[in-house]
Amino acid sequence: MNYKNIDNSINNFSGFIIVLDILGFGDLLKNHSSKYIKDNIVDNIICSSNISNYIINRDINRFAKFSNVNESECKFIEFIYFSDTIISFLKTNNEKNINNPELSIESVCYFCNLLISKAFEINIPLRGAISYGDCFINKNPLFFLGYPIFEAFQMEKIQEWAGIVVTESAIKFCRENTELHLVEYDVPIKQSKTKRMKVINWPMHYNLYHKEMPNFEYCFNSKNKDVIRKKENTIQFYNTFSRLSESPVL
């Protein structure tokens, strides 16, 4: 790999960072081939072309009537994937996508709702965090650096459930009327504690297109106490907000 002139090839940007962890990834590796994981996780969930098609199939124009979600902006969200970690990012100051972060945050939150719902469809629980700030990110050669990446990684790791939170660096862009995307919740974190945060309201989004709840028993298929606790915390959150599926979006 040639790292010559790396300083000239990697530009910094301001934007939103989404760090996601695939829960139970070790068990997936034990029970399935790498090709199965590539075909069913990477291709179906992560590949941006499939995500773009999924957005169109879910009729974002109808959803956008009640929010500031921008379909074309969602398509600018990029991915870096390695092992059990997904890093997604939306630049808000590049030549193709110069946007107000206060508007872009809704597209990012919608995208996260979309991603976690699609993952639950194939029984894959995701845990993550959204942050905002200045970063250096490059795909070839792979390189990423910046406080918002660190912040999102730190916040992702402490959660004890499947869900996505908004960190302090990104929360300032959220508007008061964001119930279509975000809710406040006492997020379960390590050491049996909770932290009041804005979180992605994925139960509402999931129930817009599904008549049944996710298969939580399959998603958290383990007798390990830590896994059981994550499952119970996820179910509690789902039961709390799934009633919001009666939304004017439909």
Protein backbone atom coordinates (compact mmCIF):
# COMPACT_ATOMS: atom_id res chain seq x y z
CA MET A 1 0.00 0.00 0.00
CA ASN A 2 1.44 3.35 -1.01
CA TYR A 3 1.18 6.01 1.69
CA LYS A 4 3.27 8.53 -0.23
CA ASN A 5 1.71 12.00 -0.27
CA ILE A 6 -0.99 10.85 2.15
CA ASP A 7 -1.16 14.36 3.64
CA ASN A 8 -2.11 15.77 0.24
CA SER A 9 -4.73 13.13 -0.55
CA ILE A 10 -6.80 13.27 2.65
CA ASN A 11 -8.92 16.34 3.24
CA ASN A 12 -10.77 17.23 6.39
CA PHE A 13 -14.50 17.88 6.45
CA SER A 14 -17.30 18.81 8.81
CA GLY A 15 -20.13 16.35 9.06
CA PHE A 16 -22.08 13.69 10.90
CA ILE A 17 -20.43 10.46 11.99
CA ILE A 18 -22.38 7.27 12.71
CA VAL A 19 -20.52 4.45 14.47
CA LEU A 20 -22.36 1.11 14.63
CA ASP A 21 -21.50 -2.22 16.20
CA ILE A 22 -23.04 -5.55 15.16
CA LEU A 23 -24.02 -7.26 18.41
CA GLY A 24 -23.29 -10.97 18.61
CA PHE A 25 -20.82 -10.84 15.75
CA GLY A 26 -18.59 -13.50 17.33
CA ASP A 27 -21.46 -15.99 17.28
CA LEU A 28 -22.16 -15.12 13.64
CA LEU A 29 -18.57 -15.98 12.76
CA LYS A 30 -18.76 -19.26 14.67
CA ASN A 31 -22.02 -20.36 13.07
CA HIS A 32 -21.74 -19.01 9.51
CA SER A 33 -19.18 -18.71 6.74
CA SER A 34 -17.57 -15.41 5.86
CA LYS A 35 -19.40 -15.54 2.51
CA TYR A 36 -22.75 -15.84 4.30
CA ILE A 37 -21.94 -12.79 6.42
CA LYS A 38 -20.79 -10.86 3.36
CA ASP A 39 -23.90 -11.75 1.34
CA ASN A 40 -26.44 -11.26 4.12
CA ILE A 41 -24.99 -8.40 6.16
CA VAL A 42 -22.58 -6.41 4.05
CA ASP A 43 -24.59 -6.60 0.82
CA ASN A 44 -28.09 -6.37 2.31
CA ILE A 45 -27.51 -3.78 5.01
CA ILE A 46 -24.35 -1.86 4.38
CA CYS A 47 -23.92 -1.42 0.62
CA SER A 48 -25.03 2.13 -0.19
CA SER A 49 -26.68 1.09 -3.47
CA ASN A 50 -29.04 -1.23 -1.64
CA ILE A 51 -29.74 1.42 0.98
CA SER A 52 -30.60 3.93 -1.75
CA ASN A 53 -33.00 1.48 -3.36
CA TYR A 54 -34.50 0.73 0.03
CA ILE A 55 -35.12 4.42 0.63
CA ILE A 56 -36.95 4.71 -2.68
CA ASN A 57 -38.97 1.54 -2.05
CA ARG A 58 -40.11 2.87 1.30
CA ASP A 59 -41.52 5.96 -0.42
CA ILE A 60 -39.54 8.67 1.28
CA ASN A 61 -41.56 11.37 -0.48
CA ARG A 62 -44.57 10.45 1.63
CA PHE A 63 -42.46 10.52 4.78
CA ALA A 64 -40.84 13.81 3.85
CA LYS A 65 -44.16 15.63 4.03
CA PHE A 66 -43.84 15.48 7.81
CA SER A 67 -40.12 16.17 8.14
CA ASN A 68 -37.06 17.64 6.46
CA VAL A 69 -35.72 14.32 5.19
CA ASN A 70 -33.92 14.74 1.89
CA GLU A 71 -33.68 11.61 -0.29
CA SER A 72 -30.73 12.84 -2.32
CA GLU A 73 -28.87 13.77 0.85
CA CYS A 74 -29.30 10.25 2.25
CA LYS A 75 -27.54 8.93 -0.84
CA PHE A 76 -24.44 10.95 0.06
CA ILE A 77 -23.97 8.94 3.25
CA GLU A 78 -20.83 6.85 2.88
CA PHE A 79 -19.60 3.67 4.60
CA ILE A 80 -16.45 2.16 6.00
CA TYR A 81 -16.88 -1.43 7.17
CA PHE A 82 -14.47 -3.68 9.04
CA SER A 83 -15.27 -6.78 11.08
CA ASP A 84 -18.17 -5.94 13.43
CA THR A 85 -17.93 -2.16 13.03
CA ILE A 86 -19.65 0.14 10.55
CA ILE A 87 -18.67 3.80 10.23
CA SER A 88 -21.02 5.96 8.18
CA PHE A 89 -20.55 9.64 7.52
CA LEU A 90 -22.31 12.55 5.82
CA LYS A 91 -20.17 15.52 4.83
CA THR A 92 -21.98 18.83 5.23
CA ASN A 93 -19.36 21.02 3.62
CA ASN A 94 -18.13 19.28 0.46
CA GLU A 95 -18.62 20.53 -3.09
CA LYS A 96 -21.59 18.23 -3.74
CA ASN A 97 -23.41 18.58 -0.47
CA ILE A 98 -23.28 21.96 1.24
CA ASN A 99 -26.08 21.84 3.79
CA ASN A 100 -27.24 23.24 7.09
CA PRO A 101 -26.50 20.66 9.83
CA GLU A 102 -29.84 21.52 11.45
CA LEU A 103 -31.54 20.16 8.32
CA SER A 104 -29.07 17.34 7.66
CA ILE A 105 -29.58 15.85 11.14
CA GLU A 106 -33.11 14.77 10.18
CA SER A 107 -31.84 12.93 7.13
CA VAL A 108 -29.15 11.27 9.25
CA CYS A 109 -31.69 10.20 11.89
CA TYR A 110 -34.05 8.89 9.24
CA PHE A 111 -31.16 6.96 7.71
CA CYS A 112 -30.32 5.42 11.11
CA ASN A 113 -33.95 4.44 11.60
CA LEU A 114 -33.83 2.84 8.19
CA LEU A 115 -30.58 1.01 8.87
CA ILE A 116 -31.48 -0.45 12.26
CA SER A 117 -34.94 -1.49 11.02
CA LYS A 118 -33.47 -3.22 7.98
CA ALA A 119 -30.97 -5.01 10.22
CA PHE A 120 -33.75 -6.25 12.51
CA GLU A 121 -35.50 -7.69 9.45
CA ILE A 122 -32.68 -10.23 9.17
CA ASN A 123 -32.27 -10.60 12.95
CA ILE A 124 -29.14 -8.47 13.28
CA PRO A 125 -29.13 -6.11 16.31
CA LEU A 126 -27.13 -2.89 15.91
CA ARG A 127 -25.84 -0.52 18.57
CA GLY A 128 -24.43 2.88 17.76
CA ALA A 129 -24.02 6.61 18.18
CA ILE A 130 -24.28 9.76 16.04
CA SER A 131 -21.79 12.60 16.46
CA TYR A 132 -20.78 15.76 14.59
CA GLY A 133 -17.56 17.64 13.96
CA ASP A 134 -14.38 17.99 11.94
CA CYS A 135 -12.76 14.76 10.72
CA PHE A 136 -10.23 13.27 8.39
CA ILE A 137 -11.61 10.21 6.59
CA ASN A 138 -10.22 8.38 3.59
CA LYS A 139 -11.16 4.99 2.14
CA ASN A 140 -8.03 4.17 0.13
CA PRO A 141 -5.75 4.04 1.97
CA LEU A 142 -8.03 3.57 4.96
CA PHE A 143 -7.58 6.47 7.35
CA PHE A 144 -9.88 8.18 9.82
CA LEU A 145 -9.17 10.64 12.59
CA GLY A 146 -11.16 13.14 14.61
CA TYR A 147 -12.82 13.76 17.96
CA PRO A 148 -16.38 13.00 16.72
CA ILE A 149 -15.21 9.52 15.70
CA PHE A 150 -13.72 8.98 19.16
CA GLU A 151 -16.85 10.39 20.81
CA ALA A 152 -19.17 8.11 18.84
CA PHE A 153 -17.00 5.04 19.55
CA GLN A 154 -16.96 5.80 23.27
CA MET A 155 -20.72 6.32 23.46
CA GLU A 156 -21.45 3.23 21.38
CA LYS A 157 -19.42 0.96 23.65
CA ILE A 158 -21.14 1.83 26.93
CA GLN A 159 -24.71 1.05 25.84
CA GLU A 160 -26.46 -2.12 27.00
CA TRP A 161 -29.04 -2.66 24.26
CA ALA A 162 -29.66 -2.48 20.52
CA GLY A 163 -30.23 1.17 19.67
CA ILE A 164 -28.61 4.39 18.47
CA VAL A 165 -28.02 7.51 20.56
CA VAL A 166 -27.18 11.10 19.63
CA THR A 167 -24.03 12.47 21.29
CA GLU A 168 -23.52 15.96 22.71
CA SER A 169 -21.75 17.20 19.58
CA ALA A 170 -24.75 16.36 17.38
CA ILE A 171 -27.64 16.99 19.77
CA LYS A 172 -27.33 20.76 19.40
CA PHE A 173 -28.63 20.49 15.83
CA CYS A 174 -31.81 18.62 16.81
CA ARG A 175 -35.05 20.55 16.76
CA GLU A 176 -37.79 20.34 19.34
CA ASN A 177 -40.23 18.71 16.95
CA THR A 178 -38.29 15.55 16.14
CA GLU A 179 -40.60 12.85 17.47
CA LEU A 180 -40.71 11.21 14.04
CA HIS A 181 -37.03 10.41 14.46
CA LEU A 182 -35.90 10.89 18.06
CA VAL A 183 -37.19 10.39 21.60
CA GLU A 184 -35.69 11.03 25.02
CA TYR A 185 -34.96 7.89 26.98
CA ASP A 186 -33.01 6.63 29.98
CA VAL A 187 -30.49 4.64 27.98
CA PRO A 188 -29.16 1.53 29.76
CA ILE A 189 -25.38 1.71 30.05
CA LYS A 190 -22.73 -0.41 31.71
CA GLN A 191 -22.59 -0.97 35.49
CA SER A 192 -26.41 -1.12 35.56
CA LYS A 193 -26.70 2.63 35.14
CA THR A 194 -28.79 4.79 32.81
CA LYS A 195 -28.15 8.05 30.98
CA ARG A 196 -30.91 10.34 29.73
CA MET A 197 -30.31 10.90 26.01
CA LYS A 198 -31.90 11.54 22.65
CA VAL A 199 -32.18 8.22 20.83
CA ILE A 200 -33.34 7.00 17.44
CA ASN A 201 -37.04 6.11 17.61
CA TRP A 202 -36.64 2.91 15.59
CA PRO A 203 -39.73 1.12 17.03
CA MET A 204 -41.99 3.74 15.44
CA HIS A 205 -40.21 3.45 12.10
CA TYR A 206 -40.10 -0.36 12.22
CA ASN A 207 -43.80 -0.66 12.93
CA LEU A 208 -44.72 1.54 9.99
CA TYR A 209 -43.83 -1.38 7.73
CA HIS A 210 -44.12 -4.48 9.91
CA LYS A 211 -47.16 -6.05 11.54
CA GLU A 212 -45.08 -8.01 14.05
CA MET A 213 -42.25 -7.07 16.38
CA PRO A 214 -38.66 -8.10 15.61
CA ASN A 215 -37.66 -11.63 16.56
CA PHE A 216 -35.77 -10.60 19.67
CA GLU A 217 -35.22 -14.19 20.80
CA TYR A 218 -33.36 -14.94 17.57
CA CYS A 219 -31.51 -11.62 17.57
CA PHE A 220 -30.17 -12.26 21.07
CA ASN A 221 -29.86 -16.04 20.90
CA SER A 222 -27.68 -16.71 23.93
CA LYS A 223 -27.98 -17.71 27.57
CA ASN A 224 -25.19 -15.33 28.52
CA LYS A 225 -26.36 -12.92 31.22
CA ASP A 226 -24.97 -9.87 29.41
CA VAL A 227 -26.80 -10.82 26.21
CA ILE A 228 -30.04 -11.48 28.09
CA ARG A 229 -29.78 -8.06 29.74
CA LYS A 230 -29.28 -6.37 26.36
CA LYS A 231 -32.28 -8.24 24.99
CA GLU A 232 -34.50 -7.23 27.90
CA ASN A 233 -33.42 -3.60 27.64
CA THR A 234 -34.14 -3.59 23.90
CA ILE A 235 -37.58 -5.14 24.37
CA GLN A 236 -38.44 -2.60 27.07
CA PHE A 237 -37.56 0.26 24.73
CA TYR A 238 -39.56 -1.31 21.91
CA ASN A 239 -42.61 -1.79 24.12
CA THR A 240 -42.37 1.81 25.33
CA PHE A 241 -42.39 3.45 21.89
CA SER A 242 -43.95 0.97 19.48
CA ARG A 243 -47.35 2.52 20.18
CA LEU A 244 -46.15 5.58 18.21
CA SER A 245 -46.56 3.55 15.03
CA GLU A 246 -49.99 5.18 14.71
CA SER A 247 -48.42 8.06 12.83
CA PRO A 248 -49.73 10.52 10.24
CA VAL A 249 -47.01 9.26 7.90
CA LEU A 250 -49.32 6.49 6.79
